[in-house]
Structures are given as structure tokens and as C-alpha cells.
Protein backbone atom coordinates (compact mmCIF):
# COMPACT_ATOMS: atom_id res chain seq x y z
CA MET A 1 -34.93 -50.23 16.42
CA PRO A 2 -34.23 -50.01 12.30
CA HIS A 3 -34.80 -47.06 10.87
CA HIS A 4 -38.23 -46.19 8.98
CA ASP A 5 -38.66 -43.35 6.66
CA PRO A 6 -42.40 -43.74 5.43
CA THR A 7 -43.74 -43.05 2.18
CA ILE A 8 -46.72 -40.93 1.31
CA SER A 9 -49.09 -43.74 1.43
CA ASP A 10 -47.80 -44.92 5.06
CA VAL A 11 -48.25 -41.24 6.43
CA LEU A 12 -51.79 -41.28 5.03
CA GLU A 13 -52.79 -44.72 6.53
CA VAL A 14 -51.53 -43.03 10.22
CA ARG A 15 -53.28 -39.69 9.70
CA SER A 16 -56.19 -41.90 9.03
CA SER A 17 -55.89 -43.78 12.06
CA PHE A 18 -55.56 -40.81 14.24
CA SER A 19 -59.09 -39.24 12.59
CA THR A 20 -60.47 -42.49 13.59
CA LEU A 21 -59.14 -42.13 16.98
CA SER A 22 -59.89 -38.15 17.45
CA SER A 23 -63.38 -38.54 16.80
CA ARG A 24 -63.56 -40.64 19.64
CA LEU A 25 -61.34 -38.36 21.90
CA ARG A 26 -62.17 -35.14 20.31
CA LEU A 27 -58.56 -34.58 19.57
CA PRO A 28 -57.76 -31.46 17.13
CA PRO A 29 -56.44 -32.13 14.24
CA GLU A 30 -53.48 -29.23 15.14
CA LEU A 31 -52.18 -32.21 18.02
CA VAL A 32 -52.33 -34.77 15.00
CA ASP A 33 -49.90 -32.75 13.05
CA LEU A 34 -47.69 -32.57 16.06
CA VAL A 35 -47.71 -35.69 16.69
CA LEU A 36 -46.41 -36.38 13.42
CA ASP A 37 -43.80 -33.90 13.58
CA TYR A 38 -42.57 -35.21 16.65
CA ALA A 39 -41.97 -38.43 15.55
CA SER A 40 -40.73 -36.72 12.54
CA TYR A 41 -42.94 -38.87 10.25
CA TRP A 42 -42.90 -37.12 6.74
CA PRO A 43 -42.71 -38.35 3.61
CA HIS A 44 -39.72 -37.60 1.43
CA THR A 45 -37.88 -38.22 -1.97
CA VAL A 46 -34.63 -39.84 -2.14
CA THR A 47 -32.55 -38.75 -5.45
CA SER A 48 -29.13 -40.31 -5.91
CA THR A 49 -26.30 -40.39 -8.63
CA LYS A 50 -25.54 -43.82 -10.56
CA LYS A 51 -22.18 -43.18 -11.45
CA ALA A 52 -18.58 -41.19 -10.64
CA LEU A 53 -17.65 -38.01 -11.59
CA LYS A 54 -15.11 -35.20 -11.10
CA ALA A 55 -14.92 -31.12 -10.90
CA SER A 56 -11.27 -29.99 -12.22
CA GLY A 57 -10.30 -26.58 -11.52
CA GLY A 58 -8.06 -24.77 -13.51
CA HIS A 59 -7.51 -21.32 -15.47
CA SER A 60 -11.25 -20.02 -17.01
CA ASN A 61 -13.34 -17.44 -15.02
CA GLY A 62 -15.36 -19.76 -13.11
CA GLY A 63 -12.53 -21.40 -11.85
CA GLY A 64 -11.78 -23.93 -14.40
CA GLN A 65 -12.46 -25.15 -17.87
CA GLU A 66 -16.15 -24.45 -19.03
CA GLY A 67 -18.28 -27.46 -17.95
CA HIS A 68 -16.14 -28.77 -15.41
CA ALA A 69 -15.03 -26.70 -12.44
CA ASN A 70 -18.55 -26.98 -11.75
CA LYS A 71 -20.48 -30.26 -11.90
CA ILE A 72 -23.94 -31.04 -11.42
CA CYS A 73 -24.39 -34.43 -9.24
CA LEU A 74 -28.16 -34.41 -9.10
CA THR A 75 -31.71 -32.60 -8.90
CA THR A 76 -34.45 -33.59 -6.90
CA PRO A 77 -37.84 -33.77 -7.88
CA PRO A 78 -40.16 -30.62 -7.17
CA LEU A 79 -40.83 -30.67 -3.59
CA GLY A 80 -43.90 -32.12 -2.08
CA LEU A 81 -45.31 -33.21 -5.26
CA PRO A 82 -46.23 -36.51 -6.89
CA LEU A 83 -43.48 -38.41 -8.78
CA PRO A 84 -45.33 -40.15 -11.99
CA PRO A 85 -46.29 -44.30 -11.04
CA SER A 86 -42.85 -44.86 -13.10
CA VAL A 87 -39.78 -42.42 -13.23
CA ASP A 88 -37.11 -43.14 -15.56
CA GLY A 89 -33.70 -41.65 -14.00
CA ASP A 90 -30.98 -40.54 -17.00
CA ASP A 91 -27.60 -41.77 -16.85
CA LEU A 92 -26.70 -39.86 -13.90
CA ALA A 93 -29.00 -39.91 -10.93
CA GLU A 94 -32.77 -41.64 -10.23
CA SER A 95 -35.41 -40.66 -7.77
CA THR A 96 -37.35 -42.42 -5.81
CA SER A 97 -40.73 -41.78 -3.33
CA GLY A 98 -42.33 -45.27 -2.69
CA SER A 99 -45.60 -45.80 -4.40
CA VAL A 100 -48.37 -43.59 -3.93
CA GLN A 101 -52.18 -44.22 -4.66
CA GLU A 102 -53.46 -40.66 -3.53
CA TRP A 103 -52.06 -37.48 -2.63
CA ILE A 104 -52.65 -34.07 -0.45
CA PRO A 105 -50.78 -31.28 -0.60
CA PRO A 106 -48.10 -30.56 1.86
CA ARG A 107 -49.33 -28.26 5.16
CA GLY A 108 -47.79 -25.57 7.02
CA GLU A 109 -46.29 -22.28 6.07
CA HIS A 110 -42.58 -24.37 5.81
CA PRO A 111 -43.44 -27.50 4.26
CA CYS A 112 -40.33 -28.63 3.92
CA ARG A 113 -38.97 -30.14 6.94
CA LYS A 114 -35.57 -31.58 6.50
CA ILE A 115 -32.87 -32.11 4.28
CA VAL A 116 -29.91 -34.82 4.40
CA PHE A 117 -27.18 -35.02 1.83
CA GLU A 118 -25.03 -38.03 1.89
CA LEU A 119 -21.62 -37.57 0.49
CA SER A 120 -18.99 -39.68 -0.60
CA SER A 121 -15.91 -37.88 -2.41
CA HIS A 122 -12.45 -36.59 -1.71
CA ASP A 123 -10.04 -34.22 -3.45
CA GLN A 124 -6.62 -34.68 -5.53
CA GLY A 125 -4.83 -35.51 -2.34
CA PHE A 126 -2.27 -32.92 -2.53
CA GLY A 127 -1.52 -29.20 -2.00
CA GLY A 128 -2.58 -26.46 0.27
CA PRO A 129 -0.69 -25.72 3.55
CA VAL A 130 0.77 -28.72 5.15
CA SER A 131 -0.23 -27.74 8.68
CA ASP A 132 -3.65 -27.79 7.02
CA ARG A 133 -3.72 -31.62 5.72
CA GLY A 134 -6.49 -33.39 6.61
CA THR A 135 -8.31 -30.59 8.11
CA TYR A 136 -11.05 -28.55 6.08
CA LYS A 137 -8.80 -25.27 5.71
CA SER A 138 -7.84 -23.81 2.73
CA SER A 139 -9.88 -26.63 0.80
CA TRP A 140 -10.75 -25.20 -2.54
CA THR A 141 -12.96 -28.22 -3.42
CA TRP A 142 -16.72 -28.62 -2.05
CA PHE A 143 -20.38 -28.80 -2.57
CA ASP A 144 -23.13 -26.39 -2.97
CA ALA A 145 -27.19 -26.69 -2.94
CA VAL A 146 -28.92 -24.16 -4.89
CA VAL A 147 -32.74 -23.68 -5.55
CA ALA A 148 -34.20 -23.79 -8.55
CA PRO A 149 -37.88 -23.54 -9.76
CA PRO A 150 -39.25 -26.68 -11.67
CA PRO A 151 -38.29 -26.51 -15.45
CA SER A 152 -41.93 -27.14 -16.60
CA LEU A 153 -45.40 -26.86 -15.08
CA LYS A 154 -48.13 -29.69 -16.15
CA PRO A 155 -51.61 -30.28 -14.13
CA ILE A 156 -52.17 -32.74 -11.26
CA PRO A 157 -52.43 -36.17 -12.90
CA GLN A 158 -55.93 -37.14 -12.28
CA HIS A 159 -55.21 -40.66 -10.49
CA LEU A 160 -52.92 -38.35 -8.02
CA LYS A 161 -56.09 -36.06 -7.07
CA THR A 162 -57.70 -36.90 -3.46
CA LYS A 163 -61.42 -36.90 -4.14
CA SER A 164 -62.30 -34.90 -0.88
CA ALA A 165 -60.45 -32.13 -1.74
CA GLU A 166 -59.60 -32.29 -5.43
CA SER A 167 -60.59 -28.54 -6.39
CA ASP A 168 -58.86 -27.01 -3.63
CA ILE A 169 -56.04 -29.00 -4.65
CA GLU A 170 -56.12 -27.70 -7.95
CA SER A 171 -56.90 -24.18 -7.53
CA ASP A 172 -54.44 -23.86 -4.98
CA ILE A 173 -51.31 -25.40 -6.23
CA GLU A 174 -51.77 -26.38 -9.79
CA SER A 175 -49.48 -23.69 -10.93
CA ASP A 176 -46.65 -25.51 -9.24
CA VAL A 177 -46.88 -28.33 -10.54
CA CYS A 178 -43.95 -30.24 -12.42
CA ASP A 179 -43.20 -33.95 -13.28
CA GLU A 180 -39.61 -33.14 -15.02
CA HIS A 181 -36.42 -33.34 -13.25
CA ASP A 182 -33.02 -33.02 -15.28
CA THR A 183 -29.73 -34.37 -14.27
CA ASP A 184 -27.57 -34.07 -17.08
CA GLY A 185 -23.99 -33.16 -14.74
CA GLU A 186 -23.96 -30.00 -17.22
CA GLU A 187 -26.08 -26.34 -16.81
CA GLN A 188 -29.47 -26.54 -17.12
CA ASP A 189 -31.80 -24.01 -18.30
CA ALA A 190 -34.36 -23.66 -14.88
CA ALA A 191 -32.71 -20.48 -13.77
CA PRO A 192 -31.99 -20.68 -9.78
CA LYS A 193 -32.66 -18.33 -7.08
CA LYS A 194 -28.60 -17.51 -6.21
CA ASP A 195 -25.35 -17.64 -8.14
CA LYS A 196 -24.76 -21.16 -8.89
CA HIS A 197 -21.14 -20.98 -9.53
CA PRO A 198 -19.19 -18.88 -6.85
CA PHE A 199 -15.52 -18.88 -7.18
CA LEU A 200 -14.79 -19.70 -3.60
CA PRO A 201 -16.27 -21.62 -0.96
CA PRO A 202 -19.36 -19.79 0.42
CA SER A 203 -20.69 -19.86 3.72
CA THR A 204 -23.74 -21.83 2.48
CA ARG A 205 -21.77 -24.32 1.13
CA VAL A 206 -23.02 -27.73 1.99
CA GLN A 207 -19.78 -29.69 3.12
CA ALA A 208 -15.80 -29.36 1.80
CA ASN A 209 -13.81 -32.03 0.92
CA ALA A 210 -10.90 -32.61 3.54
CA LEU A 211 -7.46 -30.67 2.18
CA GLY A 212 -4.96 -33.01 0.94
CA THR A 213 -6.90 -36.71 0.77
CA GLN A 214 -6.89 -38.55 -1.18
CA GLN A 215 -8.69 -41.46 0.35
CA THR A 216 -12.80 -41.23 0.37
CA ARG A 217 -14.84 -39.82 3.41
CA HIS A 218 -18.57 -40.15 4.01
CA HIS A 219 -20.21 -37.17 4.92
CA ILE A 220 -23.77 -37.12 6.09
CA VAL A 221 -25.25 -33.49 6.22
CA THR A 222 -28.41 -32.94 7.64
CA TRP A 223 -30.50 -29.45 8.08
CA SER A 224 -33.81 -28.93 9.35
CA ALA A 225 -36.37 -26.44 9.19
CA ASP A 226 -36.01 -26.42 13.11
CA ASP A 227 -32.56 -25.38 13.17
CA ASN A 228 -31.80 -22.06 14.91
CA GLY A 229 -28.06 -21.67 15.33
CA GLU A 230 -26.20 -18.75 15.47
CA VAL A 231 -24.53 -17.95 12.11
CA ASP A 232 -21.68 -16.04 14.00
CA GLY A 233 -21.88 -18.17 17.19
CA GLU A 234 -20.41 -21.22 18.20
CA ALA A 235 -22.96 -23.50 16.18
CA GLY A 236 -21.33 -21.33 12.83
CA ASP A 237 -18.15 -21.76 14.30
CA GLU A 238 -18.52 -25.39 14.43
CA ALA A 239 -19.83 -26.24 10.94
CA ASN A 240 -17.22 -24.18 9.62
CA GLU A 241 -14.58 -26.31 11.35
CA ASN A 242 -16.47 -29.35 10.20
CA GLY A 243 -16.58 -28.11 6.33
CA ARG A 244 -20.08 -26.70 6.23
CA GLY A 245 -20.88 -23.15 5.32
CA ARG A 246 -21.46 -21.41 8.95
CA GLU A 247 -25.02 -19.56 7.19
CA THR A 248 -26.25 -23.24 7.13
CA VAL A 249 -26.86 -23.73 10.68
CA ASP A 250 -29.97 -21.48 11.08
CA GLY A 251 -32.55 -23.57 9.21
CA LYS A 252 -33.29 -20.32 6.53
CA PHE A 253 -32.46 -22.72 3.60
CA VAL A 254 -35.07 -25.30 4.13
CA ARG A 255 -37.77 -23.06 5.82
CA ASP A 256 -37.62 -20.77 2.07
CA LEU A 257 -38.38 -23.62 -0.09
CA LYS A 258 -41.51 -23.71 -1.52
CA ILE A 259 -43.85 -25.98 -2.93
CA GLY A 260 -42.26 -27.39 -6.39
CA ASP A 261 -38.92 -25.87 -5.83
CA THR A 262 -36.04 -28.34 -7.10
CA ILE A 263 -32.64 -28.54 -5.63
CA GLN A 264 -29.62 -29.26 -7.42
CA LEU A 265 -26.32 -30.49 -5.77
CA TRP A 266 -23.09 -29.15 -7.53
CA ALA A 267 -19.53 -30.05 -7.22
CA ARG A 268 -17.02 -27.75 -7.50
CA ALA A 269 -13.39 -27.22 -7.74
CA ARG A 270 -10.94 -24.10 -7.99
CA PHE A 271 -7.51 -23.53 -9.36
CA PRO A 272 -4.87 -25.70 -11.72
CA ALA A 273 -4.80 -29.17 -10.49
CA TRP A 274 -7.57 -28.92 -7.48
CA SER A 275 -10.14 -32.13 -8.19
CA ASN A 276 -13.59 -33.11 -6.53
CA SER A 277 -13.75 -36.71 -7.19
CA VAL A 278 -17.27 -37.93 -6.28
CA GLU A 279 -17.83 -41.34 -5.80
CA LYS A 280 -21.56 -41.13 -4.89
CA ALA A 281 -23.93 -38.52 -3.56
CA SER A 282 -27.60 -38.84 -2.30
CA VAL A 283 -30.39 -36.30 -1.10
CA ARG A 284 -33.14 -36.89 1.00
CA VAL A 285 -36.16 -34.29 0.71
CA TYR A 286 -38.76 -34.36 3.85
CA TRP A 287 -42.03 -32.72 3.71
CA ALA A 288 -45.11 -32.85 6.40
CA ILE A 289 -48.59 -33.49 4.97
């Protein structure tokens, strides 16, 4: 059976059907939420690169020539907020979420439910210990995900407000709304919550490249709000062995995201002659409504 990623309109239609059923069977709204969560039936945005890029290591304080050792691949739209009817991506990345005729705010203490990174990349094809070639050990090229607040704040567009809860939406989250998301390949003005440019691969990295492998590898990395792996246990060890940061197994990154947060995906390379060649990358962000 083919996989289906619902749009906001799809989820609202299913919720409406459940509401009709609930009125006859007296199902509590909490049960409807559980059913949708169990089915992972959440709206999402997809942000994808439109061209290849390369991060190159070097001698400067940042591990490479300024603007070259740390390359931003893309920035996702603000979490859980509607994209305008037409979104014009720049020359680097574009975002889509399906058409939206109406909108309701995300639900729950932790609105983000899942993030899926798809990365196609490779390093320079040489270097590092020969015994580690083809593994993720001693790799100095990798990807990081950094949380940043929305770059600007704007009121909710009138055509995207729900008639039934218009005043509540405005009062609760109007200050979080933003419809701009820049992906320029270099530094951005929006200040992230954590250091954007670690010198060495951190334990929060999304994915490292296989060492000394010039052939492109495709990685799919999924972070879920329900993840509860032990950072210093078996789950953390397995993630580290597969090139992921061990601190990504506990779901904290996903659970900590707030409405309006954006995610910046960075490609990094350290030391002379090392490079991170990115053929393509995408990030899917799912949230509950």
C-alpha cells in the first residue's frame, strides 16, 4: 500500500468525520486525538534543496574559510503555521505543505511529532585512518540541525483563520506567526538557540558522512517526539556507530520545539582538504492538530 502524507485539509476532513461519529457514539475528543496520533496522521511541510552545494574545510577559526566550512542547506517554515497560498523559494530551497483553505493551531504540549531528514552526500573520498574507511569513525564532515526563532512576525492572514475559533487563535499565538523563511546558503540574521558552528562533530549531529567514500550515500534519519532511547545506552551506541549523534535518540529535540520555530540544516567540513558534498537534502516536519 502506498504511503500517504496528509495535508492540513486532509486531517481537518478526517477530524470532521470523527466529530460526526463522536456525536452518535459519544466518543471523547481525547480518543480521536489518540487515534490520529496512533496512525501518525499529521500535516507536514517539506523543505528541499534545489541545487548541490559543498562545505570545505580549511585553516580559519571556524574550521574552514569563512562561509565555506559551514553551509546552510535549507531553513524550514515556522512550525505549525500556515504557508501563504503561494510560496516562492529562492535559488537554494523551496517549501511545500499542500493547499490550505482553513487552519487551526497545533495541539498538545509538544506540537511537533516527527522530523525526517533525507540526505544524499559524500566526503572528499580520501583521508583518515585506512581501517576506518567506509565507516563513520574519524569523519570530519557532517550535518547539524539548529533551531532558530522565526525571522519576522506577522499577523495571521484573514483567509486562514477558522471562523469558530478566530479570536482564540489570534490571542494565543499571533505573536508567533511568521511567513518568511530565508535559505541563502550563508549566515542568517535569526539567532539560533544553540551554537551554530561547533568545531568538531557534536553528539547532537544529524548525520556524518562515511569516511573516505566518494560515492554518494543516501541517509534517512527520523526523529520522533516518542523517542526515549538512552543516550549512554544501546540506542546511543547504535546511533553513534551509524554516524548519528547519540543525544538524538531521546526525542528531546522534537519535544522542545515550539510553535513558530524554524529548523536550519547545516552541512559542515573541518580541516584542510576535507569537504562535504551535498547532492540534495530535504526535511519533513510533522505536527499534530
